[in-house]
C-alpha atoms as a PDB file:
ATOM      1  CA  MET A   1       0.000   0.000   0.000  1.00  0.00           C
ATOM      2  CA  VAL A   2       2.803   2.405   0.888  1.00  0.00           C
ATOM      3  CA  ALA A   3       4.788   1.607  -2.261  1.00  0.00           C
ATOM      4  CA  ALA A   4       1.665   1.967  -4.407  1.00  0.00           C
ATOM      5  CA  ALA A   5       0.890   5.344  -2.827  1.00  0.00           C
ATOM      6  CA  THR A   6       4.403   6.556  -3.640  1.00  0.00           C
ATOM      7  CA  SER A   7       4.060   5.519  -7.273  1.00  0.00           C
ATOM      8  CA  LEU A   8       0.595   7.032  -7.530  1.00  0.00           C
ATOM      9  CA  GLY A   9       1.813  10.377  -6.193  1.00  0.00           C
ATOM     10  CA  LEU A  10       4.641  10.366  -8.725  1.00  0.00           C
ATOM     11  CA  VAL A  11       2.319   9.598 -11.647  1.00  0.00           C
ATOM     12  CA  VAL A  12      -0.241  12.203 -10.607  1.00  0.00           C
ATOM     13  CA  ALA A  13       2.308  15.012 -10.197  1.00  0.00           C
ATOM     14  CA  VAL A  14       4.897  14.369 -12.904  1.00  0.00           C
ATOM     15  CA  LEU A  15       3.078  16.275 -15.680  1.00  0.00           C
ATOM     16  CA  LEU A  16       2.618  19.282 -13.413  1.00  0.00           C
ATOM     17  CA  GLY A  17       6.263  18.922 -12.443  1.00  0.00           C
ATOM     18  CA  GLY A  18       7.297  19.216 -16.074  1.00  0.00           C
ATOM     19  CA  VAL A  19       5.308  22.414 -16.452  1.00  0.00           C
ATOM     20  CA  ALA A  20       6.793  23.818 -13.249  1.00  0.00           C
ATOM     21  CA  ALA A  21      10.324  23.013 -14.436  1.00  0.00           C
ATOM     22  CA  ASP A  22       9.692  25.065 -17.600  1.00  0.00           C
ATOM     23  CA  ARG A  23       7.853  28.049 -16.113  1.00  0.00           C
ATOM     24  CA  PHE A  24       9.365  28.630 -12.665  1.00  0.00           C
ATOM     25  CA  PRO A  25      12.934  29.142 -11.390  1.00  0.00           C
ATOM     26  CA  LYS A  26      14.385  25.667 -11.045  1.00  0.00           C
ATOM     27  CA  ARG A  27      16.115  26.410  -7.751  1.00  0.00           C
ATOM     28  CA  THR A  28      12.806  27.564  -6.293  1.00  0.00           C
ATOM     29  CA  VAL A  29      11.080  24.366  -7.393  1.00  0.00           C
ATOM     30  CA  LEU A  30      13.850  22.233  -5.898  1.00  0.00           C
ATOM     31  CA  ILE A  31      13.729  24.141  -2.614  1.00  0.00           C
ATOM     32  CA  GLY A  32       9.993  23.511  -2.429  1.00  0.00           C
ATOM     33  CA  VAL A  33      10.418  19.819  -3.210  1.00  0.00           C
ATOM     34  CA  GLU A  34      13.162  19.274  -0.648  1.00  0.00           C
ATOM     35  CA  SER A  35      11.266  21.268   1.978  1.00  0.00           C
ATOM     36  CA  VAL A  36       8.340  18.887   1.561  1.00  0.00           C
ATOM     37  CA  ARG A  37      10.738  15.977   1.930  1.00  0.00           C
ATOM     38  CA  VAL A  38      12.000  17.461   5.198  1.00  0.00           C
ATOM     39  CA  VAL A  39       8.524  17.922   6.629  1.00  0.00           C
ATOM     40  CA  VAL A  40       7.253  14.406   5.783  1.00  0.00           C
ATOM     41  CA  PRO A  41       9.691  12.393   7.954  1.00  0.00           C
ATOM     42  CA  VAL A  42       9.201  14.911  10.769  1.00  0.00           C
ATOM     43  CA  LEU A  43       5.453  14.242  10.672  1.00  0.00           C
ATOM     44  CA  ALA A  44       6.072  10.500  10.536  1.00  0.00           C
ATOM     45  CA  GLY A  45       8.413  10.739  13.507  1.00  0.00           C
ATOM     46  CA  VAL A  46       5.914  12.752  15.534  1.00  0.00           C
ATOM     47  CA  LEU A  47       3.165  10.214  14.794  1.00  0.00           C
ATOM     48  CA  ALA A  48       5.516   7.367  15.723  1.00  0.00           C
ATOM     49  CA  LEU A  49       6.451   9.018  19.026  1.00  0.00           C
ATOM     50  CA  ALA A  50       2.772   9.520  19.776  1.00  0.00           C
ATOM     51  CA  GLY A  51       2.142   5.833  19.122  1.00  0.00           C
ATOM     52  CA  VAL A  52      -0.506   6.500  16.476  1.00  0.00           C
ATOM     53  CA  LEU A  53       1.459   5.788  13.282  1.00  0.00           C
ATOM     54  CA  GLU A  54      -0.464   3.367  11.055  1.00  0.00           C
ATOM     55  CA  ILE A  55      -0.152   2.016   7.525  1.00  0.00           C
ATOM     56  CA  ARG A  56      -2.777   4.396   6.138  1.00  0.00           C
ATOM     57  CA  GLN A  57      -0.878   7.379   7.520  1.00  0.00           C
ATOM     58  CA  LEU A  58       2.379   6.098   6.067  1.00  0.00           C
ATOM     59  CA  ALA A  59       0.614   5.646   2.729  1.00  0.00           C
ATOM     60  CA  ALA A  60      -0.637   9.250   2.816  1.00  0.00           C
ATOM     61  CA  LEU A  61       2.857  10.532   3.601  1.00  0.00           C
ATOM     62  CA  ALA A  62       4.283   8.300   0.883  1.00  0.00           C
ATOM     63  CA  PHE A  63       1.845   9.818  -1.613  1.00  0.00           C
ATOM     64  CA  VAL A  64       3.177  13.278  -0.728  1.00  0.00           C
ATOM     65  CA  VAL A  65       6.779  12.099  -1.158  1.00  0.00           C
ATOM     66  CA  GLY A  66       5.895  10.562  -4.515  1.00  0.00           C
ATOM     67  CA  ALA A  67       4.208  13.793  -5.615  1.00  0.00           C
ATOM     68  CA  ALA A  68       7.327  15.722  -4.611  1.00  0.00           C
ATOM     69  CA  GLY A  69       9.331  13.336  -6.777  1.00  0.00           C
ATOM     70  CA  GLY A  70       7.027  14.195  -9.668  1.00  0.00           C
ATOM     71  CA  PHE A  71       8.303  17.766  -9.444  1.00  0.00           C
ATOM     72  CA  TYR A  72      11.892  16.792  -8.648  1.00  0.00           C
ATOM     73  CA  TYR A  73      12.802  14.603 -11.620  1.00  0.00           C
ATOM     74  CA  PRO A  74      11.767  16.989 -14.441  1.00  0.00           C
ATOM     75  CA  THR A  75      13.466  19.905 -12.697  1.00  0.00           C
ATOM     76  CA  TRP A  76      16.641  17.954 -11.977  1.00  0.00           C
ATOM     77  CA  SER A  77      16.775  16.753 -15.578  1.00  0.00           C
ATOM     78  CA  ALA A  78      16.583  20.374 -16.717  1.00  0.00           C
ATOM     79  CA  VAL A  79      19.275  21.510 -14.255  1.00  0.00           C
ATOM     80  CA  VAL A  80      21.968  19.015 -15.273  1.00  0.00           C
ATOM     81  CA  PRO A  81      22.507  20.450 -18.799  1.00  0.00           C
ATOM     82  CA  ALA A  82      23.038  23.872 -17.236  1.00  0.00           C
ATOM     83  CA  LEU A  83      25.817  22.535 -14.989  1.00  0.00           C
ATOM     84  CA  LEU A  84      27.879  20.570 -17.485  1.00  0.00           C
ATOM     85  CA  PRO A  85      29.254  20.851 -21.023  1.00  0.00           C
ATOM     86  CA  ALA A  86      27.246  19.015 -23.652  1.00  0.00           C
ATOM     87  CA  ASP A  87      29.947  16.405 -24.255  1.00  0.00           C
ATOM     88  CA  GLU A  88      29.795  15.315 -20.583  1.00  0.00           C
ATOM     89  CA  LEU A  89      26.020  14.955 -20.283  1.00  0.00           C
ATOM     90  CA  LEU A  90      25.931  11.315 -21.377  1.00  0.00           C
ATOM     91  CA  ALA A  91      28.492  10.308 -18.758  1.00  0.00           C
ATOM     92  CA  ALA A  92      26.762  12.402 -16.088  1.00  0.00           C
ATOM     93  CA  ASN A  93      23.376  10.855 -16.774  1.00  0.00           C
ATOM     94  CA  GLY A  94      24.965   7.408 -16.737  1.00  0.00           C
ATOM     95  CA  ILE A  95      26.575   7.927 -13.336  1.00  0.00           C
ATOM     96  CA  GLU A  96      23.437   9.511 -11.872  1.00  0.00           C
ATOM     97  CA  GLY A  97      21.300   6.728 -13.296  1.00  0.00           C
ATOM     98  CA  MET A  98      23.592   4.192 -11.626  1.00  0.00           C
ATOM     99  CA  LEU A  99      24.112   5.792  -8.223  1.00  0.00           C
ATOM    100  CA  ARG A 100      20.495   6.804  -7.579  1.00  0.00           C
ATOM    101  CA  PRO A 101      19.048   3.267  -7.870  1.00  0.00           C
ATOM    102  CA  LEU A 102      21.878   1.927  -5.717  1.00  0.00           C
ATOM    103  CA  ALA A 103      21.124   4.502  -3.041  1.00  0.00           C
ATOM    104  CA  GLN A 104      17.339   4.219  -3.200  1.00  0.00           C
ATOM    105  CA  GLN A 105      16.969   0.457  -3.651  1.00  0.00           C
ATOM    106  CA  ALA A 106      20.008  -0.913  -1.818  1.00  0.00           C
ATOM    107  CA  ALA A 107      21.857   1.465   0.501  1.00  0.00           C
ATOM    108  CA  GLY A 108      18.771   3.276   1.810  1.00  0.00           C
ATOM    109  CA  PRO A 109      16.675   0.183   2.621  1.00  0.00           C
ATOM    110  CA  ALA A 110      19.713  -1.587   4.089  1.00  0.00           C
ATOM    111  CA  LEU A 111      20.446   1.332   6.408  1.00  0.00           C
ATOM    112  CA  ALA A 112      16.790   1.754   7.342  1.00  0.00           C
ATOM    113  CA  GLY A 113      16.595  -1.939   8.200  1.00  0.00           C
ATOM    114  CA  VAL A 114      19.122  -1.605  11.019  1.00  0.00           C
ATOM    115  CA  LEU A 115      17.740   1.654  12.447  1.00  0.00           C
ATOM    116  CA  LEU A 116      14.801   2.265  14.727  1.00  0.00           C
ATOM    117  CA  PRO A 117      11.948   4.059  12.931  1.00  0.00           C
ATOM    118  CA  ILE A 118      12.579   7.295  14.830  1.00  0.00           C
ATOM    119  CA  ALA A 119      16.270   7.196  13.915  1.00  0.00           C
ATOM    120  CA  ALA A 120      15.457   6.504  10.266  1.00  0.00           C
ATOM    121  CA  PHE A 121      12.994   9.416  10.133  1.00  0.00           C
ATOM    122  CA  GLY A 122      15.544  11.630  11.841  1.00  0.00           C
ATOM    123  CA  LEU A 123      18.305  10.694   9.406  1.00  0.00           C
ATOM    124  CA  SER A 124      15.998  11.362   6.450  1.00  0.00           C
ATOM    125  CA  THR A 125      15.142  14.773   7.883  1.00  0.00           C
ATOM    126  CA  LEU A 126      18.834  15.585   8.378  1.00  0.00           C
ATOM    127  CA  LEU A 127      19.886  14.565   4.870  1.00  0.00           C
ATOM    128  CA  TRP A 128      17.054  16.388   3.117  1.00  0.00           C
ATOM    129  CA  GLY A 129      17.645  19.364   5.397  1.00  0.00           C
ATOM    130  CA  MET A 130      21.241  19.508   4.155  1.00  0.00           C
ATOM    131  CA  VAL A 131      19.936  19.562   0.589  1.00  0.00           C
ATOM    132  CA  VAL A 132      17.569  22.447   1.385  1.00  0.00           C
ATOM    133  CA  ALA A 133      20.402  24.348   3.055  1.00  0.00           C
ATOM    134  CA  SER A 134      22.665  23.933   0.044  1.00  0.00           C
ATOM    135  CA  LEU A 135      19.900  25.147  -2.279  1.00  0.00           C
ATOM    136  CA  VAL A 136      19.043  28.158  -0.127  1.00  0.00           C
ATOM    137  CA  LEU A 137      22.702  29.141   0.322  1.00  0.00           C
ATOM    138  CA  GLY A 138      23.261  28.933  -3.418  1.00  0.00           C
ATOM    139  CA  VAL A 139      26.082  26.403  -3.368  1.00  0.00           C
ATOM    140  CA  THR A 140      24.317  23.912  -5.593  1.00  0.00           C
ATOM    141  CA  ASP A 141      26.469  24.546  -8.647  1.00  0.00           C
ATOM    142  CA  ALA A 142      29.722  24.449  -6.680  1.00  0.00           C
ATOM    143  CA  ALA A 143      28.724  21.288  -4.805  1.00  0.00           C
ATOM    144  CA  ALA A 144      27.666  19.612  -8.023  1.00  0.00           C
ATOM    145  CA  MET A 145      30.985  20.421  -9.699  1.00  0.00           C
ATOM    146  CA  VAL A 146      32.946  19.132  -6.704  1.00  0.00           C
ATOM    147  CA  ILE A 147      31.011  15.863  -6.749  1.00  0.00           C
ATOM    148  CA  TRP A 148      31.339  15.625 -10.505  1.00  0.00           C
ATOM    149  CA  GLY A 149      35.071  16.258 -10.350  1.00  0.00           C
ATOM    150  CA  THR A 150      35.517  13.656  -7.631  1.00  0.00           C
ATOM    151  CA  LEU A 151      33.394  10.965  -9.236  1.00  0.00           C
ATOM    152  CA  LEU A 152      34.214  11.390 -12.907  1.00  0.00           C
ATOM    153  CA  GLN A 153      37.395  13.383 -13.375  1.00  0.00           C
ATOM    154  CA  ARG A 154      39.195  11.321 -10.743  1.00  0.00           C
ATOM    155  CA  ARG A 155      37.866   8.224 -12.480  1.00  0.00           C
ATOM    156  CA  VAL A 156      36.973   6.510  -9.196  1.00  0.00           C
ATOM    157  CA  PRO A 157      33.832   4.767 -10.493  1.00  0.00           C
ATOM    158  CA  THR A 158      35.497   4.132 -13.844  1.00  0.00           C
ATOM    159  CA  HIS A 159      38.125   1.892 -12.281  1.00  0.00           C
ATOM    160  CA  LEU A 160      35.514   0.074 -10.210  1.00  0.00           C
ATOM    161  CA  LEU A 161      33.058  -0.439 -13.031  1.00  0.00           C
ATOM    162  CA  GLY A 162      35.852  -1.450 -15.376  1.00  0.00           C
ATOM    163  CA  ARG A 163      36.188  -4.663 -13.386  1.00  0.00           C
ATOM    164  CA  VAL A 164      32.495  -5.541 -13.768  1.00  0.00           C
ATOM    165  CA  SER A 165      30.504  -6.488 -16.821  1.00  0.00           C
ATOM    166  CA  SER A 166      28.294  -3.475 -17.514  1.00  0.00           C
ATOM    167  CA  LEU A 167      25.510  -5.688 -18.833  1.00  0.00           C
ATOM    168  CA  ASP A 168      25.506  -7.832 -15.708  1.00  0.00           C
ATOM    169  CA  PHE A 169      25.658  -4.717 -13.560  1.00  0.00           C
ATOM    170  CA  PHE A 170      22.628  -3.020 -15.075  1.00  0.00           C
ATOM    171  CA  VAL A 171      20.657  -6.273 -15.293  1.00  0.00           C
ATOM    172  CA  SER A 172      21.339  -6.698 -11.574  1.00  0.00           C
ATOM    173  CA  LEU A 173      20.019  -3.210 -10.903  1.00  0.00           C
ATOM    174  CA  ALA A 174      16.888  -3.894 -12.936  1.00  0.00           C
ATOM    175  CA  LEU A 175      16.192  -7.186 -11.162  1.00  0.00           C
ATOM    176  CA  MET A 176      17.061  -5.946  -7.670  1.00  0.00           C
ATOM    177  CA  PRO A 177      13.481  -4.862  -6.783  1.00  0.00           C
ATOM    178  CA  ILE A 178      12.198  -8.293  -7.854  1.00  0.00           C
ATOM    179  CA  SER A 179      14.743 -10.147  -5.740  1.00  0.00           C
ATOM    180  CA  MET A 180      14.027  -7.885  -2.767  1.00  0.00           C
ATOM    181  CA  ALA A 181      10.299  -8.570  -3.110  1.00  0.00           C
ATOM    182  CA  LEU A 182      10.849 -12.345  -3.304  1.00  0.00           C
ATOM    183  CA  ALA A 183      13.380 -12.583  -0.478  1.00  0.00           C
ATOM    184  CA  GLY A 184      10.823 -12.205   2.322  1.00  0.00           C
ATOM    185  CA  PRO A 185       8.269 -14.805   1.178  1.00  0.00           C
ATOM    186  CA  VAL A 186      10.991 -17.280   0.202  1.00  0.00           C
ATOM    187  CA  GLY A 187      12.711 -16.847   3.562  1.00  0.00           C
ATOM    188  CA  GLU A 188       9.452 -17.523   5.407  1.00  0.00           C
ATOM    189  CA  ARG A 189       8.664 -20.650   3.397  1.00  0.00           C
ATOM    190  CA  VAL A 190      12.038 -22.402   3.252  1.00  0.00           C
ATOM    191  CA  GLY A 191      13.898 -20.722   6.113  1.00  0.00           C
ATOM    192  CA  ILE A 192      16.610 -18.050   6.231  1.00  0.00           C
ATOM    193  CA  PRO A 193      19.618 -20.469   6.142  1.00  0.00           C
ATOM    194  CA  VAL A 194      18.328 -22.255   3.038  1.00  0.00           C
ATOM    195  CA  THR A 195      17.629 -18.898   1.368  1.00  0.00           C
ATOM    196  CA  PHE A 196      21.224 -17.788   1.911  1.00  0.00           C
ATOM    197  CA  VAL A 197      22.534 -21.101   0.553  1.00  0.00           C
ATOM    198  CA  VAL A 198      20.395 -20.757  -2.567  1.00  0.00           C
ATOM    199  CA  ALA A 199      21.517 -17.142  -3.008  1.00  0.00           C
ATOM    200  CA  ALA A 200      25.143 -18.269  -2.818  1.00  0.00           C
ATOM    201  CA  VAL A 201      24.870 -21.330  -5.066  1.00  0.00           C
ATOM    202  CA  ALA A 202      22.357 -20.217  -7.705  1.00  0.00           C
ATOM    203  CA  PRO A 203      24.352 -17.395  -9.399  1.00  0.00           C
ATOM    204  CA  PRO A 204      27.416 -19.462 -10.401  1.00  0.00           C
ATOM    205  CA  VAL A 205      25.188 -22.338 -11.516  1.00  0.00           C
ATOM    206  CA  LEU A 206      23.077 -20.008 -13.640  1.00  0.00           C
ATOM    207  CA  ALA A 207      26.252 -18.411 -15.026  1.00  0.00           C
ATOM    208  CA  VAL A 208      27.552 -21.789 -16.191  1.00  0.00           C
ATOM    209  CA  VAL A 209      24.167 -22.634 -17.701  1.00  0.00           C
ATOM    210  CA  ALA A 210      24.159 -19.320 -19.592  1.00  0.00           C
ATOM    211  CA  LEU A 211      27.704 -19.885 -20.867  1.00  0.00           C
ATOM    212  CA  LEU A 212      26.844 -23.321 -22.188  1.00  0.00           C
ATOM    213  CA  ALA A 213      23.315 -22.639 -23.443  1.00  0.00           C
ATOM    214  CA  TRP A 214      24.260 -19.590 -25.495  1.00  0.00           C
ATOM    215  CA  ARG A 215      27.705 -20.906 -26.488  1.00  0.00           C
ATOM    216  CA  LEU A 216      29.318 -17.745 -25.230  1.00  0.00           C
ATOM    217  CA  PRO A 217      32.945 -18.967 -25.243  1.00  0.00           C
ATOM    218  CA  ARG A 218      32.698 -19.860 -28.945  1.00  0.00           C
ATOM    219  CA  ASP A 219      31.000 -16.557 -29.719  1.00  0.00           C
ATOM    220  CA  GLU A 220      33.667 -14.579 -27.862  1.00  0.00           C
ATOM    221  CA  LEU A 221      36.434 -16.369 -29.739  1.00  0.00           C
ATOM    222  CA  GLY A 222      34.687 -15.632 -33.021  1.00  0.00           C
ATOM    223  CA  HIS A 223      33.939 -12.017 -32.139  1.00  0.00           C
ATOM    224  CA  PRO A 224      36.621 -10.764 -29.716  1.00  0.00           C
ATOM    225  CA  LEU A 225      35.855  -7.491 -27.968  1.00  0.00           C
ATOM    226  CA  GLU A 226      39.489  -6.406 -27.998  1.00  0.00           C
ATOM    227  CA  ARG A 227      40.993  -6.115 -31.455  1.00  0.00           C
ATOM    228  CA  ALA A 228      44.418  -5.042 -32.537  1.00  0.00           C
ATOM    229  CA  PRO A 229      44.459  -1.410 -33.698  1.00  0.00           C
ATOM    230  CA  THR A 230      44.318  -1.017 -37.451  1.00  0.00           C
ATOM    231  CA  THR A 231      47.125   0.793 -39.255  1.00  0.00           C
ATOM    232  CA  PRO A 232      45.927   4.141 -40.667  1.00  0.00           C
END
């Protein structure tokens, strides 16, 4: 119910968000969005402290967060081209498209899982509050360039990703929500130890099956990815 409310809020607001990104100052829109995101976990924390927090209230707050996202994504997409040269946009969008799912679907839920609800709401408030402060103080461009210089120009993620198959990496990101949704029911039915064993054994077995079924070694020998440079 909570996840559906988030998605519904996003769908309902995204068209209005696109209009707002075109007609209003983008910094103003982002400040409004992040201010909403600060208020929502505060309300959730207050309700939790009062002992009256229920699923329906979480769903209502999730709808608001989703609606804020409907304004955020169009505005953010319009801001990025103003921060970077045109020849760096593809790389920037690639890095952002990689890091955001990792943070939202892996790092965030993992951290929230080990925190008490009040602590999780408090951390969310703090992080979004830092975003609002940076927007209000006008350091967005400088902060973005520092992050961009650290992540891309220093080639930190390039070296890490260079050791991983990009196809496998992005397929893993796409399938992560499915595996997260299945982990709970599977763990309840077969037990947590068996689930971990399956998670450890299944990937290499499936990898071998894929290698043999699609004859990948023969295909790689016939079509090597690394070729000797041709003489001009």
